[in-house]
Structures are given as C-alpha cells and as structure tokens.
N, C-alpha and C. Protein backbone atom coordinates (compact mmCIF):
# COMPACT_ATOMS: atom_id res chain seq x y z
N MET A 1 -57.74 -46.33 7.17
CA MET A 1 -57.89 -46.03 5.33
C MET A 1 -57.85 -44.53 5.76
N ARG A 2 -58.42 -44.31 6.64
CA ARG A 2 -58.90 -42.56 7.48
C ARG A 2 -57.49 -42.31 8.06
N LEU A 3 -57.16 -42.96 8.91
CA LEU A 3 -55.72 -42.84 9.61
C LEU A 3 -54.95 -42.58 8.35
N LYS A 4 -54.15 -43.80 7.77
CA LYS A 4 -53.49 -43.55 6.99
C LYS A 4 -53.32 -41.60 6.25
N ASN A 5 -54.38 -41.20 5.57
CA ASN A 5 -55.40 -40.34 4.83
C ASN A 5 -54.65 -38.98 6.20
N LYS A 6 -54.93 -39.12 7.19
CA LYS A 6 -55.05 -38.48 8.09
C LYS A 6 -52.96 -38.14 8.43
N TYR A 7 -52.21 -38.94 8.48
CA TYR A 7 -51.17 -39.29 8.85
C TYR A 7 -50.30 -38.43 7.25
N PHE A 8 -51.30 -38.66 5.93
CA PHE A 8 -50.39 -38.67 4.82
C PHE A 8 -50.61 -36.69 4.58
N VAL A 9 -51.69 -36.56 4.99
CA VAL A 9 -52.10 -35.24 4.99
C VAL A 9 -50.94 -34.26 6.01
N THR A 10 -50.40 -34.50 6.82
CA THR A 10 -49.49 -33.93 7.89
C THR A 10 -48.94 -34.19 7.46
N PHE A 11 -48.23 -34.98 7.41
CA PHE A 11 -46.68 -34.90 6.20
C PHE A 11 -46.84 -34.14 5.34
N ILE A 12 -47.33 -33.93 4.29
CA ILE A 12 -47.40 -32.98 3.44
C ILE A 12 -47.79 -31.69 4.38
N VAL A 13 -48.93 -31.14 4.97
CA VAL A 13 -48.82 -30.07 5.63
C VAL A 13 -47.23 -30.21 6.33
N PHE A 14 -46.34 -30.80 7.20
CA PHE A 14 -44.87 -30.78 7.32
C PHE A 14 -44.02 -30.33 6.39
N ILE A 15 -44.11 -30.90 5.46
CA ILE A 15 -43.22 -30.56 4.20
C ILE A 15 -43.54 -29.48 3.77
N SER A 16 -44.39 -28.74 3.54
CA SER A 16 -45.06 -27.42 3.03
C SER A 16 -44.55 -26.37 3.77
N ILE A 17 -44.78 -26.31 5.41
CA ILE A 17 -44.47 -25.72 6.07
C ILE A 17 -42.92 -25.74 6.27
N MET A 18 -41.85 -26.73 6.30
CA MET A 18 -40.88 -26.53 6.33
C MET A 18 -40.09 -26.04 4.54
N SER A 19 -40.43 -26.42 3.86
CA SER A 19 -40.56 -25.94 2.27
C SER A 19 -40.20 -23.97 2.29
N LEU A 20 -41.47 -23.99 3.41
CA LEU A 20 -41.63 -22.72 3.19
C LEU A 20 -40.55 -21.70 3.94
N PHE A 21 -40.49 -23.31 5.16
CA PHE A 21 -39.47 -21.98 6.08
C PHE A 21 -38.02 -21.89 5.28
N SER A 22 -37.69 -23.08 4.71
CA SER A 22 -36.59 -23.37 4.18
C SER A 22 -36.52 -22.10 3.03
N PHE A 23 -37.51 -21.84 2.35
CA PHE A 23 -37.25 -20.93 0.65
C PHE A 23 -36.68 -19.24 1.74
N THR A 24 -38.04 -18.89 2.83
CA THR A 24 -37.59 -17.67 3.54
C THR A 24 -36.37 -17.42 4.01
N ALA A 25 -35.97 -18.82 4.90
CA ALA A 25 -34.45 -18.73 5.45
C ALA A 25 -33.77 -18.25 4.01
N SER A 26 -33.57 -19.38 3.24
CA SER A 26 -32.69 -18.62 2.12
C SER A 26 -32.75 -17.43 1.34
N ILE A 27 -33.99 -17.15 1.75
CA ILE A 27 -33.81 -15.74 0.47
C ILE A 27 -33.40 -14.83 1.98
N GLU A 28 -33.45 -14.89 3.29
CA GLU A 28 -32.71 -13.71 4.10
C GLU A 28 -31.56 -14.01 3.98
N TYR A 29 -30.70 -15.36 4.11
CA TYR A 29 -29.63 -15.53 3.78
C TYR A 29 -28.78 -14.56 2.80
N ASN A 30 -29.63 -14.78 1.86
CA ASN A 30 -28.97 -14.29 0.52
C ASN A 30 -29.26 -13.04 0.41
N ARG A 31 -29.92 -12.06 1.06
CA ARG A 31 -29.76 -10.64 1.53
C ARG A 31 -29.11 -10.50 2.35
N SER A 32 -29.09 -10.75 3.22
CA SER A 32 -28.07 -10.42 4.23
C SER A 32 -26.11 -11.07 4.25
N TYR A 33 -26.36 -12.41 2.88
CA TYR A 33 -25.33 -12.24 2.20
C TYR A 33 -24.69 -10.77 1.13
N GLN A 34 -26.20 -10.66 0.38
CA GLN A 34 -25.17 -9.32 -0.36
C GLN A 34 -25.44 -7.89 0.10
N ASN A 35 -26.17 -8.11 1.37
CA ASN A 35 -25.57 -6.94 2.01
C ASN A 35 -24.22 -6.78 2.45
N ASN A 36 -23.29 -7.54 3.08
CA ASN A 36 -22.53 -7.71 3.71
C ASN A 36 -21.56 -7.59 2.55
N LEU A 37 -21.46 -8.56 0.82
CA LEU A 37 -20.72 -8.20 0.10
C LEU A 37 -20.74 -6.93 -0.19
N LYS A 38 -21.96 -6.10 -0.78
CA LYS A 38 -21.71 -4.55 -0.93
C LYS A 38 -20.93 -3.66 -0.06
N TYR A 39 -21.13 -3.80 1.63
CA TYR A 39 -20.27 -3.23 2.67
C TYR A 39 -18.91 -3.55 2.25
N THR A 40 -18.70 -4.81 2.07
CA THR A 40 -17.25 -5.42 2.26
C THR A 40 -16.72 -4.37 1.27
N LYS A 41 -17.37 -4.84 -0.56
CA LYS A 41 -16.93 -3.63 -1.35
C LYS A 41 -16.99 -2.83 -1.45
N ASP A 42 -17.78 -1.43 -0.31
CA ASP A 42 -17.97 -0.15 -0.34
C ASP A 42 -16.48 -0.04 0.73
N LYS A 43 -16.43 -0.78 1.31
CA LYS A 43 -15.07 -0.34 2.63
C LYS A 43 -13.77 -1.19 1.61
N LEU A 44 -13.77 -1.59 0.75
CA LEU A 44 -12.33 -2.04 0.18
C LEU A 44 -11.95 -0.95 -0.98
N LEU A 45 -13.30 -0.42 -1.71
CA LEU A 45 -13.45 0.94 -2.37
C LEU A 45 -12.63 2.28 -1.40
N LEU A 46 -13.18 2.12 -0.37
CA LEU A 46 -12.62 3.33 0.96
C LEU A 46 -10.93 3.63 1.27
N ILE A 47 -10.92 2.03 1.04
CA ILE A 47 -9.52 1.68 1.29
C ILE A 47 -8.46 1.51 0.80
N LYS A 48 -9.00 1.52 -0.79
CA LYS A 48 -8.40 1.95 -1.84
C LYS A 48 -8.18 3.40 -2.30
N LEU A 49 -8.69 4.45 -1.92
CA LEU A 49 -8.59 5.61 -2.20
C LEU A 49 -7.81 5.91 -1.24
N ASN A 50 -8.06 5.44 0.34
CA ASN A 50 -7.03 6.11 1.10
C ASN A 50 -5.66 5.54 1.13
N LEU A 51 -5.62 4.20 0.28
CA LEU A 51 -3.92 3.90 0.02
C LEU A 51 -2.91 4.72 -1.12
N GLU A 52 -4.35 4.86 -2.04
CA GLU A 52 -3.71 5.60 -3.40
C GLU A 52 -4.32 7.38 -3.32
N SER A 53 -4.57 8.25 -1.97
CA SER A 53 -4.15 9.37 -1.32
C SER A 53 -2.68 9.43 -0.48
N LEU A 54 -2.64 8.98 0.19
CA LEU A 54 -1.80 8.64 1.50
C LEU A 54 -0.40 8.40 0.20
N ILE A 55 -0.40 7.64 -1.10
CA ILE A 55 1.10 7.21 -1.69
C ILE A 55 0.84 8.47 -2.54
N SER A 56 -0.01 8.81 -3.83
CA SER A 56 0.02 9.81 -4.35
C SER A 56 0.22 10.97 -3.95
N SER A 57 -0.18 11.36 -2.86
CA SER A 57 0.40 12.73 -2.06
C SER A 57 1.45 13.10 -2.02
N ARG A 58 2.19 11.57 -1.49
CA ARG A 58 3.91 11.84 -1.69
C ARG A 58 4.66 12.10 -2.22
N MET A 59 4.01 10.85 -3.53
CA MET A 59 4.60 11.26 -4.42
C MET A 59 4.48 12.66 -5.59
N ILE A 60 3.85 13.23 -5.80
CA ILE A 60 3.63 14.90 -6.06
C ILE A 60 4.82 15.79 -5.23
N ALA A 61 5.14 15.61 -3.68
CA ALA A 61 6.23 15.61 -3.21
C ALA A 61 7.48 15.18 -3.67
N LEU A 62 7.31 14.46 -3.99
CA LEU A 62 9.08 14.05 -4.42
C LEU A 62 9.00 14.53 -5.60
N ASN A 63 8.10 15.27 -6.01
CA ASN A 63 8.55 15.57 -7.92
C ASN A 63 9.42 16.90 -7.26
N GLY A 64 9.21 17.78 -5.90
CA GLY A 64 10.03 18.69 -6.01
C GLY A 64 11.12 18.43 -5.14
N LEU A 65 11.58 17.24 -5.05
CA LEU A 65 12.86 16.50 -4.65
C LEU A 65 13.46 16.09 -5.74
N LYS A 66 12.95 15.51 -6.95
CA LYS A 66 13.56 15.25 -8.23
C LYS A 66 13.60 16.50 -9.03
N ALA A 67 13.06 17.37 -8.73
CA ALA A 67 13.37 19.06 -9.61
C ALA A 67 14.86 19.60 -9.24
N HIS A 68 14.79 19.34 -7.62
CA HIS A 68 16.04 19.96 -7.23
C HIS A 68 17.20 19.46 -7.74
N ALA A 69 16.93 17.81 -7.74
CA ALA A 69 18.21 16.89 -7.60
C ALA A 69 18.49 17.23 -9.51
N GLU A 70 17.43 17.62 -9.95
CA GLU A 70 18.20 17.54 -11.35
C GLU A 70 18.93 19.18 -11.72
N ILE A 71 18.19 20.11 -11.18
CA ILE A 71 18.74 21.80 -11.43
C ILE A 71 20.19 21.23 -10.67
N ASP A 72 20.62 20.90 -9.81
CA ASP A 72 22.19 21.13 -8.75
C ASP A 72 21.70 19.49 -8.02
N PRO A 73 22.47 18.78 -9.02
CA PRO A 73 22.82 17.40 -9.03
C PRO A 73 23.69 17.16 -7.64
N ASN A 74 24.44 18.17 -7.31
CA ASN A 74 25.69 18.59 -6.10
C ASN A 74 25.31 18.45 -4.77
N PHE A 75 24.01 18.16 -4.92
CA PHE A 75 23.25 18.61 -3.03
C PHE A 75 24.11 18.11 -2.09
N THR A 76 23.85 19.14 -0.68
CA THR A 76 24.22 18.34 0.11
C THR A 76 22.87 17.39 0.98
N GLN A 77 23.75 17.18 1.48
CA GLN A 77 22.71 16.23 2.69
C GLN A 77 21.52 17.45 3.57
N ASP A 78 22.10 18.76 3.86
CA ASP A 78 21.26 19.59 4.63
C ASP A 78 20.49 20.01 3.69
N ASP A 79 20.69 20.09 2.21
CA ASP A 79 19.60 20.31 1.24
C ASP A 79 18.34 19.21 1.28
N PHE A 80 19.11 18.47 0.95
CA PHE A 80 17.96 17.30 1.27
C PHE A 80 17.36 17.45 2.51
N ASN A 81 17.83 17.42 3.39
CA ASN A 81 17.16 17.63 5.20
C ASN A 81 15.86 18.45 4.36
N TYR A 82 16.35 19.91 4.22
CA TYR A 82 15.21 20.93 3.76
C TYR A 82 14.25 20.21 3.16
N PHE A 83 14.64 19.97 2.06
CA PHE A 83 13.19 19.41 1.44
C PHE A 83 12.32 18.46 2.12
N ALA A 84 12.91 17.06 2.68
CA ALA A 84 12.39 15.89 3.06
C ALA A 84 12.41 15.83 4.16
N LYS A 85 12.31 16.73 5.28
CA LYS A 85 11.86 17.39 6.20
C LYS A 85 10.26 17.52 6.59
N GLU A 86 9.91 18.10 5.15
CA GLU A 86 8.62 18.42 5.15
C GLU A 86 7.89 18.17 4.41
N ILE A 87 7.93 17.06 3.63
CA ILE A 87 7.26 15.58 3.07
C ILE A 87 7.38 14.35 4.37
N TYR A 88 8.16 14.66 5.55
CA TYR A 88 8.47 13.50 6.14
C TYR A 88 7.69 14.24 7.16
N ASN A 89 7.62 15.52 8.21
CA ASN A 89 6.23 15.76 8.64
C ASN A 89 4.70 16.04 8.33
N SER A 90 4.58 15.89 7.42
CA SER A 90 3.23 16.02 6.58
C SER A 90 2.84 14.37 6.67
N SER A 91 3.22 13.52 6.95
CA SER A 91 2.77 12.41 6.55
C SER A 91 2.10 11.29 7.49
N ASN A 92 1.54 12.15 8.17
CA ASN A 92 0.76 11.49 9.30
C ASN A 92 1.88 10.03 9.92
N ASP A 93 2.91 10.03 10.09
CA ASP A 93 3.92 8.89 10.52
C ASP A 93 3.81 7.97 10.22
N VAL A 94 3.22 8.11 8.60
CA VAL A 94 3.08 6.73 7.80
C VAL A 94 4.42 6.50 7.33
N VAL A 95 5.62 7.66 6.40
CA VAL A 95 6.34 7.80 6.20
C VAL A 95 7.78 7.59 7.05
N GLN A 96 8.44 6.24 6.60
CA GLN A 96 9.70 5.85 7.68
C GLN A 96 10.75 6.35 6.87
N SER A 97 10.80 6.63 5.92
CA SER A 97 12.01 7.53 5.79
C SER A 97 12.49 8.16 4.32
N MET A 98 13.59 8.78 3.91
CA MET A 98 13.51 9.16 2.47
C MET A 98 14.77 9.13 1.60
N SER A 99 14.70 8.86 0.84
CA SER A 99 16.55 8.69 0.61
C SER A 99 16.35 9.39 -1.35
N PHE A 100 17.94 9.66 -0.95
CA PHE A 100 18.15 9.98 -2.70
C PHE A 100 19.27 8.94 -3.22
N LEU A 101 19.32 8.32 -4.58
CA LEU A 101 20.42 7.05 -4.82
C LEU A 101 21.11 7.76 -5.88
N THR A 102 22.39 8.01 -5.93
CA THR A 102 22.96 8.55 -7.17
C THR A 102 23.88 7.24 -7.99
N ASP A 103 23.21 6.73 -8.69
CA ASP A 103 23.01 5.76 -9.77
C ASP A 103 22.08 4.88 -8.46
N THR A 104 22.58 3.81 -7.86
CA THR A 104 21.88 2.93 -6.79
C THR A 104 22.45 2.77 -5.72
N THR A 105 23.31 3.48 -5.74
CA THR A 105 23.68 3.98 -3.76
C THR A 105 22.98 4.93 -3.00
N ILE A 106 22.52 4.85 -1.74
CA ILE A 106 21.60 5.65 -1.35
C ILE A 106 23.24 6.36 -0.69
N SER A 107 22.82 7.91 -0.64
CA SER A 107 23.66 9.11 -0.84
C SER A 107 23.03 9.99 0.26
N HIS A 108 21.76 10.30 0.16
CA HIS A 108 21.39 11.23 1.20
C HIS A 108 20.07 10.60 1.82
N ILE A 109 20.20 10.48 2.57
CA ILE A 109 18.33 9.85 3.81
C ILE A 109 18.32 10.78 5.00
N TYR A 110 16.66 10.41 5.38
CA TYR A 110 16.19 11.31 5.97
C TYR A 110 15.83 10.18 6.27
N PRO A 111 15.11 10.83 7.62
CA PRO A 111 15.60 11.43 8.88
C PRO A 111 17.11 10.34 8.65
N TYR A 112 18.12 11.71 8.90
CA TYR A 112 19.42 11.10 8.63
C TYR A 112 20.19 10.49 9.88
N ASP A 113 20.01 10.98 11.32
CA ASP A 113 20.26 10.42 12.58
C ASP A 113 19.92 9.12 12.08
N ASP A 114 18.81 8.69 12.54
CA ASP A 114 18.10 7.45 12.51
C ASP A 114 18.64 6.67 11.04
N TYR A 115 18.90 6.85 10.47
CA TYR A 115 19.37 5.42 8.86
C TYR A 115 20.64 6.07 8.55
N LYS A 116 21.81 6.80 9.02
CA LYS A 116 22.79 7.27 9.24
C LYS A 116 23.82 5.88 8.09
N ASP A 117 23.22 5.22 8.69
CA ASP A 117 24.12 3.97 8.72
C ASP A 117 24.24 2.69 7.80
N ILE A 118 23.06 3.19 6.80
CA ILE A 118 22.94 2.81 5.43
C ILE A 118 23.19 3.56 3.96
N VAL A 119 23.73 5.04 4.70
CA VAL A 119 24.73 5.51 3.87
C VAL A 119 25.89 4.65 2.90
N GLY A 120 25.57 4.81 1.94
CA GLY A 120 27.07 3.80 0.86
C GLY A 120 26.13 2.37 0.56
N THR A 121 24.94 2.62 0.91
CA THR A 121 24.83 1.06 0.38
C THR A 121 24.44 1.28 -0.97
N ASP A 122 24.75 0.11 -1.93
CA ASP A 122 24.38 0.42 -3.08
C ASP A 122 22.89 -1.21 -2.99
N LEU A 123 22.32 -0.59 -3.51
CA LEU A 123 21.01 -1.33 -3.65
C LEU A 123 20.78 -1.93 -4.78
N SER A 124 21.52 -2.06 -6.13
CA SER A 124 21.62 -2.79 -6.94
C SER A 124 21.65 -4.26 -6.50
N LEU A 125 22.65 -4.07 -5.19
CA LEU A 125 23.21 -5.54 -4.69
C LEU A 125 22.48 -6.36 -3.96
N ASN A 126 21.25 -5.26 -3.55
CA ASN A 126 20.03 -6.52 -2.70
C ASN A 126 19.48 -6.90 -3.04
N PRO A 127 19.31 -8.45 -2.85
CA PRO A 127 18.59 -9.56 -3.86
C PRO A 127 16.63 -8.62 -4.16
N GLU A 128 16.68 -8.22 -2.68
CA GLU A 128 14.98 -7.58 -2.33
C GLU A 128 15.17 -6.51 -3.08
N GLN A 129 15.60 -6.04 -3.73
CA GLN A 129 15.46 -4.49 -4.28
C GLN A 129 15.74 -4.72 -5.57
N LYS A 130 17.23 -5.31 -5.81
CA LYS A 130 17.70 -5.26 -7.29
C LYS A 130 17.39 -5.13 -9.12
N GLU A 131 15.92 -5.89 -8.54
CA GLU A 131 14.99 -6.17 -9.53
C GLU A 131 14.39 -4.71 -9.87
N TRP A 132 14.11 -3.96 -8.72
CA TRP A 132 13.04 -2.51 -8.95
C TRP A 132 14.09 -1.69 -8.69
N ILE A 133 15.57 -1.58 -8.20
CA ILE A 133 16.34 -0.71 -8.64
C ILE A 133 16.62 -0.52 -10.36
N ASN A 134 16.78 -1.32 -11.03
CA ASN A 134 17.22 -1.33 -12.05
C ASN A 134 16.22 -1.19 -12.90
N TYR A 135 14.62 -1.58 -12.37
CA TYR A 135 13.44 -0.81 -13.74
C TYR A 135 13.51 0.65 -13.27
N ALA A 136 13.31 0.92 -12.28
CA ALA A 136 13.55 2.29 -12.43
C ALA A 136 14.73 3.03 -12.98
N LYS A 137 15.67 2.53 -12.95
CA LYS A 137 16.34 3.05 -13.82
C LYS A 137 16.78 3.10 -15.18
N ASN A 138 16.31 1.77 -15.54
CA ASN A 138 16.30 1.44 -17.29
C ASN A 138 15.09 2.40 -17.59
N THR A 139 14.57 2.34 -16.95
CA THR A 139 12.68 2.41 -17.73
C THR A 139 12.46 4.50 -17.33
N LEU A 140 13.29 5.11 -16.58
CA LEU A 140 12.70 6.10 -16.14
C LEU A 140 11.45 6.47 -15.58
N LYS A 141 10.86 5.22 -15.52
CA LYS A 141 9.45 5.59 -14.61
C LYS A 141 9.59 5.42 -13.33
N PRO A 142 8.51 6.20 -12.67
CA PRO A 142 8.47 6.17 -11.07
C PRO A 142 7.47 4.47 -11.14
N ILE A 143 8.52 4.22 -9.86
CA ILE A 143 7.69 2.80 -9.08
C ILE A 143 7.32 2.45 -7.35
N ILE A 144 6.17 1.59 -7.87
CA ILE A 144 6.09 1.22 -6.31
C ILE A 144 6.22 -0.03 -5.93
N THR A 145 6.80 -0.42 -4.61
CA THR A 145 6.82 -1.80 -4.85
C THR A 145 6.33 -2.66 -3.16
N ALA A 146 6.23 -3.44 -2.60
CA ALA A 146 5.18 -4.02 -1.49
C ALA A 146 5.21 -5.30 -1.75
N PRO A 147 4.92 -5.68 -0.68
CA PRO A 147 5.90 -5.81 0.85
C PRO A 147 7.34 -5.42 0.33
N VAL A 148 8.09 -4.97 0.46
CA VAL A 148 9.71 -5.00 0.68
C VAL A 148 10.57 -5.33 2.22
N ASN A 149 11.74 -6.30 1.96
CA ASN A 149 12.41 -6.12 2.95
C ASN A 149 13.19 -4.78 3.01
N LEU A 150 13.05 -4.12 4.24
CA LEU A 150 13.98 -3.07 4.17
C LEU A 150 15.34 -3.51 4.63
N VAL A 151 16.63 -2.72 3.67
CA VAL A 151 17.76 -2.95 4.28
C VAL A 151 18.15 -2.48 5.64
N GLU A 152 17.25 -1.39 6.04
CA GLU A 152 17.03 -0.95 7.54
C GLU A 152 16.29 -1.67 8.22
N GLY A 153 15.72 -2.76 8.04
CA GLY A 153 14.90 -3.63 8.85
C GLY A 153 13.55 -3.53 8.60
N GLY A 154 12.58 -4.34 8.59
CA GLY A 154 11.09 -4.44 8.64
C GLY A 154 10.64 -4.26 7.39
N LEU A 155 9.50 -4.26 6.84
CA LEU A 155 9.15 -3.85 5.89
C LEU A 155 8.68 -2.30 5.69
N GLY A 156 8.38 -2.46 4.24
CA GLY A 156 8.00 -1.21 3.85
C GLY A 156 7.49 -1.31 2.48
N ILE A 157 6.87 -0.01 1.87
CA ILE A 157 6.15 0.36 0.82
C ILE A 157 6.90 1.22 0.45
N ILE A 158 7.36 0.85 -1.10
CA ILE A 158 8.98 1.57 -1.63
C ILE A 158 7.93 2.00 -2.81
N VAL A 159 8.28 4.09 -2.98
CA VAL A 159 7.88 4.51 -4.10
C VAL A 159 9.60 5.11 -4.64
N ARG A 160 9.64 4.82 -6.09
CA ARG A 160 10.90 5.09 -6.77
C ARG A 160 10.50 6.11 -7.85
N VAL A 161 11.13 7.29 -7.54
CA VAL A 161 10.74 8.38 -9.02
C VAL A 161 12.25 8.28 -9.65
N PRO A 162 12.74 8.20 -10.45
CA PRO A 162 13.83 8.79 -11.11
C PRO A 162 14.03 9.39 -11.77
N VAL A 163 15.41 9.86 -11.27
CA VAL A 163 15.95 11.35 -11.53
C VAL A 163 16.74 11.36 -12.90
N GLY A 164 17.11 12.05 -13.95
CA GLY A 164 17.38 12.42 -15.59
C GLY A 164 18.00 13.41 -14.98
N ILE A 165 18.78 13.58 -15.99
CA ILE A 165 19.81 15.02 -16.20
C ILE A 165 20.45 14.66 -17.71
N ASN A 166 20.11 15.84 -18.18
CA ASN A 166 20.27 15.86 -20.16
C ASN A 166 19.61 14.58 -20.50
N ASN A 167 18.20 13.91 -19.83
CA ASN A 167 18.39 12.93 -20.54
C ASN A 167 18.47 11.63 -20.25
N GLN A 168 19.23 11.66 -18.94
CA GLN A 168 20.17 10.39 -18.95
C GLN A 168 20.01 10.09 -17.28
N TYR A 169 19.66 8.90 -17.23
CA TYR A 169 19.78 8.23 -15.44
C TYR A 169 20.96 8.96 -14.94
N TYR A 170 20.35 9.52 -13.34
CA TYR A 170 20.76 10.12 -12.53
C TYR A 170 21.31 9.35 -11.40
N GLY A 171 19.46 8.90 -10.50
CA GLY A 171 19.73 8.77 -9.66
C GLY A 171 18.19 8.31 -9.25
N GLN A 172 18.07 8.39 -8.24
CA GLN A 172 16.21 7.93 -7.77
C GLN A 172 16.23 8.71 -6.50
N VAL A 173 14.73 9.45 -5.79
CA VAL A 173 14.25 9.59 -4.96
C VAL A 173 13.31 8.87 -4.42
N SER A 174 13.37 8.18 -3.37
CA SER A 174 12.56 7.26 -2.81
C SER A 174 11.53 7.83 -1.54
N ILE A 175 11.05 6.90 -1.03
CA ILE A 175 9.91 7.60 0.13
C ILE A 175 9.93 5.84 0.62
N VAL A 176 9.89 5.46 1.85
CA VAL A 176 9.96 4.64 2.50
C VAL A 176 7.94 4.92 3.21
N PHE A 177 7.19 4.08 2.89
CA PHE A 177 5.98 3.41 3.97
C PHE A 177 6.60 2.78 4.85
N ASP A 178 6.28 3.07 6.31
CA ASP A 178 6.46 1.80 6.99
C ASP A 178 4.43 1.17 6.72
N TYR A 179 5.57 -0.24 6.56
CA TYR A 179 3.80 -1.13 6.37
C TYR A 179 2.95 -1.24 6.80
N ASP A 180 3.15 -1.63 8.14
CA ASP A 180 2.11 -1.60 9.16
C ASP A 180 1.14 -0.60 9.29
N LYS A 181 1.92 0.79 9.48
CA LYS A 181 1.26 2.19 9.38
C LYS A 181 0.46 2.39 8.52
N ILE A 182 0.76 2.41 7.23
CA ILE A 182 0.10 2.48 6.61
C ILE A 182 -1.25 1.93 5.86
N LEU A 183 -0.86 0.84 6.07
CA LEU A 183 -2.55 -0.14 6.50
C LEU A 183 -2.99 -0.17 6.95
N SER A 184 -2.83 0.47 8.58
CA SER A 184 -3.51 0.63 9.72
C SER A 184 -4.26 1.92 8.87
N ALA A 185 -3.99 3.07 8.37
CA ALA A 185 -3.82 4.40 8.32
C ALA A 185 -5.36 4.20 7.13
N SER A 186 -5.28 3.43 6.21
CA SER A 186 -5.75 3.36 5.26
C SER A 186 -6.96 2.45 5.95
N GLY A 187 -7.14 1.99 6.82
CA GLY A 187 -8.10 1.16 7.41
C GLY A 187 -7.99 -0.22 6.99
N LEU A 188 -6.87 -0.95 6.29
CA LEU A 188 -7.32 -1.86 5.96
C LEU A 188 -7.10 -2.99 7.15
N ILE A 189 -6.26 -2.92 7.95
CA ILE A 189 -6.23 -3.41 9.30
C ILE A 189 -7.14 -3.98 10.41
N GLU A 190 -7.86 -2.92 10.07
CA GLU A 190 -9.02 -2.70 10.49
C GLU A 190 -10.26 -3.53 10.18
N LEU A 191 -10.06 -3.36 9.00
CA LEU A 191 -11.27 -4.38 8.06
C LEU A 191 -10.79 -6.16 8.11
N SER A 192 -9.39 -6.06 8.18
CA SER A 192 -9.38 -7.40 7.87
C SER A 192 -9.40 -8.74 9.56
N GLU A 193 -9.63 -7.42 10.71
CA GLU A 193 -9.36 -7.93 11.82
C GLU A 193 -11.51 -8.29 12.09
N ASP A 194 -12.15 -7.34 11.74
CA ASP A 194 -13.60 -7.71 11.55
C ASP A 194 -14.23 -8.88 10.63
N TYR A 195 -12.78 -8.78 9.73
CA TYR A 195 -13.39 -10.09 8.59
C TYR A 195 -12.54 -11.09 8.62
C-alpha cells in the first residue's frame, strides 16, 4: 500500500511539473508570438508609408504635367520630355516610364528612345488596361492600378491622372512604376523574404 502511495505521489508531482512547464512554455510562446506580431505590424506600417510616399510624391509632380497639358494641349514631345525628365530623374529608379494619352492613345512617352515603339497604342483596346483607362476617362478621377501587364512588357504599377480642358476630358498623364523596384524600395520584398 505504501508503495502505491509513493507511485501516486510521484505521478502527481510529475503531472504538476509537466503542467507547470507547459503553462510556462505557453506563456513564453504567447509573449514571443505577440512580439513578432507587433514587429510585423510595425514593419507593414512602415512599408505602407514608404509606398504611399513613393507614389504620392510622384502624383503631385504629375499635376505639373497635367497643368501644362491643360494650358497647351498641343504640346510637343520635347515639351513633354522637359517636364517628365525631372520627375523621372528624381524617382530613385522606381519609375519605368511616363506617358500622355490623348483620349486613350499614347501620344507622348518618356524616356522616348526606350519606348517610342508604343506611341500610337490605343490602351482602350488593351484588355489589361481598358477598364481603368475608361474609368479615369469617365470619372475624371485619378486612379492607381497594380499589378498591370504593360504593353511595353513586364509588370507595373500605373498612376493615371485625367486631364480636362474646358471641363471636358482630353487625355491622361500617367506614370509607370517598375513593380519589383518599387516593392523592393518600400521594403516589402525584404519582409516577404524574412517571413
């Protein structure tokens, strides 16, 4: 009988120790999980702010091109180059190209030598882009679309700012961000590799 009590007491002590160990491990795991969750949320917030900054600062610059097009709708490719070059060069290599669409057709592009082959392309006929081209045209509201299969090849993030003359739609100024480069510059690719 004494031997049974001894085994019973040993068993109770073992169960108590294991319960205490499991409880402590659970608390530590939960604390570690909460710390990782907070760290990830903080990183995602920083990435969101980086993306917003990269895109919104270029959208503001597009308004200069929009204003120029509204004042002089017959501007030349050289005029477009003059304005687009400044935005393009200030982009930390995340901007792939900039274009102006007269109605829905690419009429101006920068850098011209790299993308002159797509001048004359009517994007309202492109299945990947027609819905968003027409949205900007019909609502006269800026729009950001991503990811987009580009007519010049590859993936991009496109910001479109409609241009109106005498309260009538005239065209769109757009900026194409290199998809991989902007995600990398924002920190998203590094985070996705870590997690």
